[in-house]
PDB file of N, CA and C in Angstrom:
ATOM      1  N   MET A   1      53.699 -19.329 -59.180  1.00  0.00           N
ATOM      2  CA  MET A   1      52.638 -20.294 -59.322  1.00  0.00           C
ATOM      3  C   MET A   1      52.217 -20.372 -60.795  1.00  0.00           C
ATOM      4  N   ILE A   2      52.087 -21.575 -61.311  1.00  0.00           N
ATOM      5  CA  ILE A   2      51.689 -21.802 -62.703  1.00  0.00           C
ATOM      6  C   ILE A   2      50.165 -21.712 -62.796  1.00  0.00           C
ATOM      7  N   PRO A   3      49.655 -20.864 -63.714  1.00  0.00           N
ATOM      8  CA  PRO A   3      48.199 -20.772 -63.841  1.00  0.00           C
ATOM      9  C   PRO A   3      47.607 -22.087 -64.323  1.00  0.00           C
ATOM     10  N   ARG A   4      46.498 -22.464 -63.764  1.00  0.00           N
ATOM     11  CA  ARG A   4      45.837 -23.711 -64.121  1.00  0.00           C
ATOM     12  C   ARG A   4      44.895 -23.494 -65.303  1.00  0.00           C
ATOM     13  N   ALA A   5      44.897 -24.437 -66.224  1.00  0.00           N
ATOM     14  CA  ALA A   5      43.994 -24.357 -67.379  1.00  0.00           C
ATOM     15  C   ALA A   5      42.560 -24.556 -66.905  1.00  0.00           C
ATOM     16  N   PRO A   6      41.606 -23.894 -67.564  1.00  0.00           N
ATOM     17  CA  PRO A   6      40.203 -24.107 -67.190  1.00  0.00           C
ATOM     18  C   PRO A   6      39.772 -25.533 -67.522  1.00  0.00           C
ATOM     19  N   THR A   7      38.779 -26.010 -66.797  1.00  0.00           N
ATOM     20  CA  THR A   7      38.246 -27.338 -67.092  1.00  0.00           C
ATOM     21  C   THR A   7      37.643 -27.321 -68.490  1.00  0.00           C
ATOM     22  N   LEU A   8      37.968 -28.316 -69.277  1.00  0.00           N
ATOM     23  CA  LEU A   8      37.498 -28.417 -70.659  1.00  0.00           C
ATOM     24  C   LEU A   8      36.308 -29.358 -70.709  1.00  0.00           C
ATOM     25  N   TRP A   9      35.174 -28.829 -71.122  1.00  0.00           N
ATOM     26  CA  TRP A   9      33.955 -29.626 -71.228  1.00  0.00           C
ATOM     27  C   TRP A   9      33.594 -29.842 -72.690  1.00  0.00           C
ATOM     28  N   ALA A  10      33.163 -31.041 -73.013  1.00  0.00           N
ATOM     29  CA  ALA A  10      32.664 -31.345 -74.353  1.00  0.00           C
ATOM     30  C   ALA A  10      31.169 -31.063 -74.388  1.00  0.00           C
ATOM     31  N   HIS A  11      30.685 -30.607 -75.541  1.00  0.00           N
ATOM     32  CA  HIS A  11      29.277 -30.286 -75.752  1.00  0.00           C
ATOM     33  C   HIS A  11      28.801 -30.973 -77.021  1.00  0.00           C
ATOM     34  N   ARG A  12      27.525 -31.170 -77.127  1.00  0.00           N
ATOM     35  CA  ARG A  12      26.907 -31.594 -78.375  1.00  0.00           C
ATOM     36  C   ARG A  12      25.628 -30.791 -78.524  1.00  0.00           C
ATOM     37  N   ALA A  13      25.049 -30.817 -79.701  1.00  0.00           N
ATOM     38  CA  ALA A  13      23.848 -30.013 -79.973  1.00  0.00           C
ATOM     39  C   ALA A  13      22.780 -30.249 -78.911  1.00  0.00           C
ATOM     40  N   GLY A  14      22.357 -29.171 -78.274  1.00  0.00           N
ATOM     41  CA  GLY A  14      21.298 -29.255 -77.291  1.00  0.00           C
ATOM     42  C   GLY A  14      21.713 -29.729 -75.912  1.00  0.00           C
ATOM     43  N   LYS A  15      22.989 -29.990 -75.687  1.00  0.00           N
ATOM     44  CA  LYS A  15      23.430 -30.520 -74.393  1.00  0.00           C
ATOM     45  C   LYS A  15      24.805 -29.963 -74.070  1.00  0.00           C
ATOM     46  N   ASP A  16      24.913 -29.232 -72.968  1.00  0.00           N
ATOM     47  CA  ASP A  16      26.193 -28.683 -72.521  1.00  0.00           C
ATOM     48  C   ASP A  16      26.819 -29.571 -71.455  1.00  0.00           C
ATOM     49  N   LYS A  17      28.124 -29.480 -71.348  1.00  0.00           N
ATOM     50  CA  LYS A  17      28.892 -30.163 -70.296  1.00  0.00           C
ATOM     51  C   LYS A  17      28.541 -31.648 -70.176  1.00  0.00           C
ATOM     52  N   ILE A  18      28.719 -32.388 -71.271  1.00  0.00           N
ATOM     53  CA  ILE A  18      28.395 -33.808 -71.223  1.00  0.00           C
ATOM     54  C   ILE A  18      29.516 -34.629 -70.589  1.00  0.00           C
ATOM     55  N   VAL A  19      30.757 -34.177 -70.734  1.00  0.00           N
ATOM     56  CA  VAL A  19      31.899 -34.879 -70.128  1.00  0.00           C
ATOM     57  C   VAL A  19      33.107 -33.952 -70.205  1.00  0.00           C
ATOM     58  N   TYR A  20      34.011 -34.048 -69.225  1.00  0.00           N
ATOM     59  CA  TYR A  20      35.192 -33.194 -69.283  1.00  0.00           C
ATOM     60  C   TYR A  20      36.353 -33.934 -69.936  1.00  0.00           C
ATOM     61  N   GLY A  21      37.286 -33.168 -70.466  1.00  0.00           N
ATOM     62  CA  GLY A  21      38.431 -33.735 -71.170  1.00  0.00           C
ATOM     63  C   GLY A  21      39.724 -33.511 -70.413  1.00  0.00           C
ATOM     64  N   LEU A  22      40.661 -34.401 -70.647  1.00  0.00           N
ATOM     65  CA  LEU A  22      42.001 -34.301 -70.069  1.00  0.00           C
ATOM     66  C   LEU A  22      43.014 -34.454 -71.197  1.00  0.00           C
ATOM     67  N   PRO A  23      44.168 -33.786 -71.100  1.00  0.00           N
ATOM     68  CA  PRO A  23      45.170 -33.936 -72.156  1.00  0.00           C
ATOM     69  C   PRO A  23      45.762 -35.342 -72.148  1.00  0.00           C
ATOM     70  N   GLY A  24      45.944 -35.903 -73.346  1.00  0.00           N
ATOM     71  CA  GLY A  24      46.593 -37.202 -73.479  1.00  0.00           C
ATOM     72  C   GLY A  24      48.100 -37.019 -73.631  1.00  0.00           C
ATOM     73  N   ASP A  25      48.843 -38.080 -73.421  1.00  0.00           N
ATOM     74  CA  ASP A  25      50.304 -38.022 -73.527  1.00  0.00           C
ATOM     75  C   ASP A  25      50.773 -37.719 -74.940  1.00  0.00           C
ATOM     76  N   ASP A  26      49.945 -38.017 -75.933  1.00  0.00           N
ATOM     77  CA  ASP A  26      50.336 -37.840 -77.335  1.00  0.00           C
ATOM     78  C   ASP A  26      49.801 -36.549 -77.945  1.00  0.00           C
ATOM     79  N   GLY A  27      49.436 -35.563 -77.105  1.00  0.00           N
ATOM     80  CA  GLY A  27      48.953 -34.287 -77.604  1.00  0.00           C
ATOM     81  C   GLY A  27      47.478 -34.291 -77.974  1.00  0.00           C
ATOM     82  N   THR A  28      46.753 -35.334 -77.619  1.00  0.00           N
ATOM     83  CA  THR A  28      45.326 -35.417 -77.917  1.00  0.00           C
ATOM     84  C   THR A  28      44.516 -35.017 -76.688  1.00  0.00           C
ATOM     85  N   MET A  29      43.218 -34.921 -76.860  1.00  0.00           N
ATOM     86  CA  MET A  29      42.301 -34.729 -75.737  1.00  0.00           C
ATOM     87  C   MET A  29      41.607 -36.052 -75.488  1.00  0.00           C
ATOM     88  N   ARG A  30      41.502 -36.435 -74.244  1.00  0.00           N
ATOM     89  CA  ARG A  30      40.855 -37.697 -73.869  1.00  0.00           C
ATOM     90  C   ARG A  30      39.587 -37.393 -73.086  1.00  0.00           C
ATOM     91  N   PHE A  31      38.489 -38.025 -73.496  1.00  0.00           N
ATOM     92  CA  PHE A  31      37.214 -37.871 -72.822  1.00  0.00           C
ATOM     93  C   PHE A  31      36.799 -39.237 -72.299  1.00  0.00           C
ATOM     94  N   ARG A  32      36.555 -39.340 -71.015  1.00  0.00           N
ATOM     95  CA  ARG A  32      36.176 -40.621 -70.412  1.00  0.00           C
ATOM     96  C   ARG A  32      34.716 -40.548 -69.996  1.00  0.00           C
ATOM     97  N   PHE A  33      33.890 -41.296 -70.712  1.00  0.00           N
ATOM     98  CA  PHE A  33      32.461 -41.324 -70.445  1.00  0.00           C
ATOM     99  C   PHE A  33      32.148 -42.442 -69.453  1.00  0.00           C
ATOM    100  N   PRO A  34      31.184 -42.217 -68.569  1.00  0.00           N
ATOM    101  CA  PRO A  34      30.747 -43.301 -67.689  1.00  0.00           C
ATOM    102  C   PRO A  34      30.164 -44.451 -68.518  1.00  0.00           C
ATOM    103  N   LEU A  35      30.270 -45.643 -68.009  1.00  0.00           N
ATOM    104  CA  LEU A  35      29.747 -46.828 -68.682  1.00  0.00           C
ATOM    105  C   LEU A  35      28.266 -46.644 -69.005  1.00  0.00           C
ATOM    106  N   ARG A  36      27.878 -46.968 -70.218  1.00  0.00           N
ATOM    107  CA  ARG A  36      26.499 -46.882 -70.713  1.00  0.00           C
ATOM    108  C   ARG A  36      25.934 -45.453 -70.732  1.00  0.00           C
ATOM    109  N   ASP A  37      26.789 -44.480 -70.832  1.00  0.00           N
ATOM    110  CA  ASP A  37      26.345 -43.086 -70.895  1.00  0.00           C
ATOM    111  C   ASP A  37      25.591 -42.855 -72.207  1.00  0.00           C
ATOM    112  N   PRO A  38      24.345 -42.363 -72.168  1.00  0.00           N
ATOM    113  CA  PRO A  38      23.590 -42.152 -73.406  1.00  0.00           C
ATOM    114  C   PRO A  38      24.217 -41.095 -74.322  1.00  0.00           C
ATOM    115  N   ASN A  39      24.952 -40.145 -73.768  1.00  0.00           N
ATOM    116  CA  ASN A  39      25.633 -39.145 -74.603  1.00  0.00           C
ATOM    117  C   ASN A  39      26.710 -39.802 -75.456  1.00  0.00           C
ATOM    118  N   TYR A  40      27.457 -40.742 -74.890  1.00  0.00           N
ATOM    119  CA  TYR A  40      28.490 -41.455 -75.641  1.00  0.00           C
ATOM    120  C   TYR A  40      27.846 -42.260 -76.772  1.00  0.00           C
ATOM    121  N   LYS A  41      26.764 -42.959 -76.458  1.00  0.00           N
ATOM    122  CA  LYS A  41      26.074 -43.751 -77.481  1.00  0.00           C
ATOM    123  C   LYS A  41      25.608 -42.863 -78.627  1.00  0.00           C
ATOM    124  N   LYS A  42      25.086 -41.672 -78.296  1.00  0.00           N
ATOM    125  CA  LYS A  42      24.616 -40.753 -79.341  1.00  0.00           C
ATOM    126  C   LYS A  42      25.793 -40.261 -80.189  1.00  0.00           C
ATOM    127  N   LEU A  43      26.928 -39.946 -79.546  1.00  0.00           N
ATOM    128  CA  LEU A  43      28.092 -39.472 -80.299  1.00  0.00           C
ATOM    129  C   LEU A  43      28.619 -40.526 -81.260  1.00  0.00           C
ATOM    130  N   VAL A  44      28.822 -41.745 -80.781  1.00  0.00           N
ATOM    131  CA  VAL A  44      29.414 -42.770 -81.650  1.00  0.00           C
ATOM    132  C   VAL A  44      28.451 -43.247 -82.728  1.00  0.00           C
ATOM    133  N   ALA A  45      27.151 -42.990 -82.553  1.00  0.00           N
ATOM    134  CA  ALA A  45      26.172 -43.360 -83.575  1.00  0.00           C
ATOM    135  C   ALA A  45      25.948 -42.229 -84.579  1.00  0.00           C
ATOM    136  N   THR A  46      26.648 -41.108 -84.415  1.00  0.00           N
ATOM    137  CA  THR A  46      26.462 -39.951 -85.277  1.00  0.00           C
ATOM    138  C   THR A  46      27.296 -40.084 -86.551  1.00  0.00           C
ATOM    139  N   PRO A  47      26.657 -40.110 -87.746  1.00  0.00           N
ATOM    140  CA  PRO A  47      27.424 -40.194 -88.987  1.00  0.00           C
ATOM    141  C   PRO A  47      28.287 -38.947 -89.182  1.00  0.00           C
ATOM    142  N   GLY A  48      29.490 -39.121 -89.661  1.00  0.00           N
ATOM    143  CA  GLY A  48      30.369 -37.997 -89.975  1.00  0.00           C
ATOM    144  C   GLY A  48      30.779 -37.188 -88.756  1.00  0.00           C
ATOM    145  N   LEU A  49      30.943 -37.836 -87.597  1.00  0.00           N
ATOM    146  CA  LEU A  49      31.294 -37.119 -86.369  1.00  0.00           C
ATOM    147  C   LEU A  49      32.577 -36.320 -86.537  1.00  0.00           C
ATOM    148  N   SER A  50      32.532 -35.060 -86.123  1.00  0.00           N
ATOM    149  CA  SER A  50      33.712 -34.201 -86.121  1.00  0.00           C
ATOM    150  C   SER A  50      33.625 -33.311 -84.891  1.00  0.00           C
ATOM    151  N   ALA A  51      34.634 -32.491 -84.685  1.00  0.00           N
ATOM    152  CA  ALA A  51      34.637 -31.611 -83.517  1.00  0.00           C
ATOM    153  C   ALA A  51      35.216 -30.257 -83.890  1.00  0.00           C
ATOM    154  N   THR A  52      34.718 -29.227 -83.223  1.00  0.00           N
ATOM    155  CA  THR A  52      35.295 -27.891 -83.319  1.00  0.00           C
ATOM    156  C   THR A  52      35.970 -27.607 -81.989  1.00  0.00           C
ATOM    157  N   ILE A  53      37.231 -27.208 -82.058  1.00  0.00           N
ATOM    158  CA  ILE A  53      38.011 -26.947 -80.851  1.00  0.00           C
ATOM    159  C   ILE A  53      38.371 -25.466 -80.824  1.00  0.00           C
ATOM    160  N   VAL A  54      38.122 -24.805 -79.692  1.00  0.00           N
ATOM    161  CA  VAL A  54      38.454 -23.394 -79.517  1.00  0.00           C
ATOM    162  C   VAL A  54      39.660 -23.301 -78.606  1.00  0.00           C
ATOM    163  N   VAL A  55      40.719 -22.605 -79.091  1.00  0.00           N
ATOM    164  CA  VAL A  55      41.975 -22.496 -78.356  1.00  0.00           C
ATOM    165  C   VAL A  55      42.285 -21.032 -78.081  1.00  0.00           C
ATOM    166  N   ASP A  56      42.722 -20.738 -76.854  1.00  0.00           N
ATOM    167  CA  ASP A  56      43.231 -19.410 -76.510  1.00  0.00           C
ATOM    168  C   ASP A  56      44.713 -19.407 -76.870  1.00  0.00           C
ATOM    169  N   CYS A  57      45.056 -18.736 -77.970  1.00  0.00           N
ATOM    170  CA  CYS A  57      46.440 -18.763 -78.460  1.00  0.00           C
ATOM    171  C   CYS A  57      47.415 -18.107 -77.485  1.00  0.00           C
ATOM    172  N   ALA A  58      46.961 -17.113 -76.743  1.00  0.00           N
ATOM    173  CA  ALA A  58      47.848 -16.423 -75.805  1.00  0.00           C
ATOM    174  C   ALA A  58      48.304 -17.340 -74.679  1.00  0.00           C
ATOM    175  N   SER A  59      47.404 -18.196 -74.206  1.00  0.00           N
ATOM    176  CA  SER A  59      47.760 -19.074 -73.087  1.00  0.00           C
ATOM    177  C   SER A  59      47.998 -20.521 -73.511  1.00  0.00           C
ATOM    178  N   SER A  60      47.700 -20.842 -74.778  1.00  0.00           N
ATOM    179  CA  SER A  60      47.798 -22.208 -75.306  1.00  0.00           C
ATOM    180  C   SER A  60      46.838 -23.171 -74.614  1.00  0.00           C
ATOM    181  N   HIS A  61      45.732 -22.654 -74.082  1.00  0.00           N
ATOM    182  CA  HIS A  61      44.731 -23.501 -73.436  1.00  0.00           C
ATOM    183  C   HIS A  61      43.590 -23.786 -74.396  1.00  0.00           C
ATOM    184  N   ILE A  62      43.136 -25.032 -74.408  1.00  0.00           N
ATOM    185  CA  ILE A  62      41.933 -25.387 -75.152  1.00  0.00           C
ATOM    186  C   ILE A  62      40.756 -24.953 -74.290  1.00  0.00           C
ATOM    187  N   LEU A  63      39.856 -24.160 -74.867  1.00  0.00           N
ATOM    188  CA  LEU A  63      38.742 -23.613 -74.103  1.00  0.00           C
ATOM    189  C   LEU A  63      37.464 -24.430 -74.221  1.00  0.00           C
ATOM    190  N   SER A  64      37.225 -25.020 -75.395  1.00  0.00           N
ATOM    191  CA  SER A  64      36.016 -25.821 -75.549  1.00  0.00           C
ATOM    192  C   SER A  64      36.152 -26.784 -76.711  1.00  0.00           C
ATOM    193  N   VAL A  65      35.351 -27.820 -76.664  1.00  0.00           N
ATOM    194  CA  VAL A  65      35.234 -28.799 -77.750  1.00  0.00           C
ATOM    195  C   VAL A  65      33.751 -29.025 -77.973  1.00  0.00           C
ATOM    196  N   ARG A  66      33.307 -28.894 -79.216  1.00  0.00           N
ATOM    197  CA  ARG A  66      31.901 -29.145 -79.548  1.00  0.00           C
ATOM    198  C   ARG A  66      31.867 -30.200 -80.649  1.00  0.00           C
ATOM    199  N   PHE A  67      31.145 -31.288 -80.393  1.00  0.00           N
ATOM    200  CA  PHE A  67      31.012 -32.363 -81.366  1.00  0.00           C
ATOM    201  C   PHE A  67      29.877 -32.062 -82.335  1.00  0.00           C
ATOM    202  N   HIS A  68      30.080 -32.434 -83.615  1.00  0.00           N
ATOM    203  CA  HIS A  68      29.087 -32.219 -84.668  1.00  0.00           C
ATOM    204  C   HIS A  68      28.971 -33.494 -85.493  1.00  0.00           C
ATOM    205  N   GLY A  69      27.807 -33.691 -86.048  1.00  0.00           N
ATOM    206  CA  GLY A  69      27.607 -34.800 -86.965  1.00  0.00           C
ATOM    207  C   GLY A  69      27.061 -34.286 -88.280  1.00  0.00           C
ATOM    208  N   ARG A  70      27.357 -34.986 -89.332  1.00  0.00           N
ATOM    209  CA  ARG A  70      26.852 -34.634 -90.653  1.00  0.00           C
ATOM    210  C   ARG A  70      25.381 -35.061 -90.729  1.00  0.00           C
ATOM    211  N   ARG A  71      24.557 -34.199 -91.251  1.00  0.00           N
ATOM    212  CA  ARG A  71      23.129 -34.544 -91.403  1.00  0.00           C
ATOM    213  C   ARG A  71      22.979 -35.547 -92.545  1.00  0.00           C
ATOM    214  N   THR A  72      22.155 -36.560 -92.317  1.00  0.00           N
ATOM    215  CA  THR A  72      21.942 -37.582 -93.352  1.00  0.00           C
ATOM    216  C   THR A  72      20.627 -37.383 -94.053  1.00  0.00           C
TER     217      THR A  72
END
């Protein structure tokens, strides 16, 4: 039996588990937000948006993604 990767949740400052991610065909992570989700609006309105990704090198699983914005 192949071990299953843990569910990957995206976080932002002050808010955990805003949306889960799925692997994309091109090696990316895809996050699908519900229509009009206020978390999505806050992320895309954040200047200098970036992300920190934590990977378990032994299993090659992505463990978490945390979005950050540059302070203006």
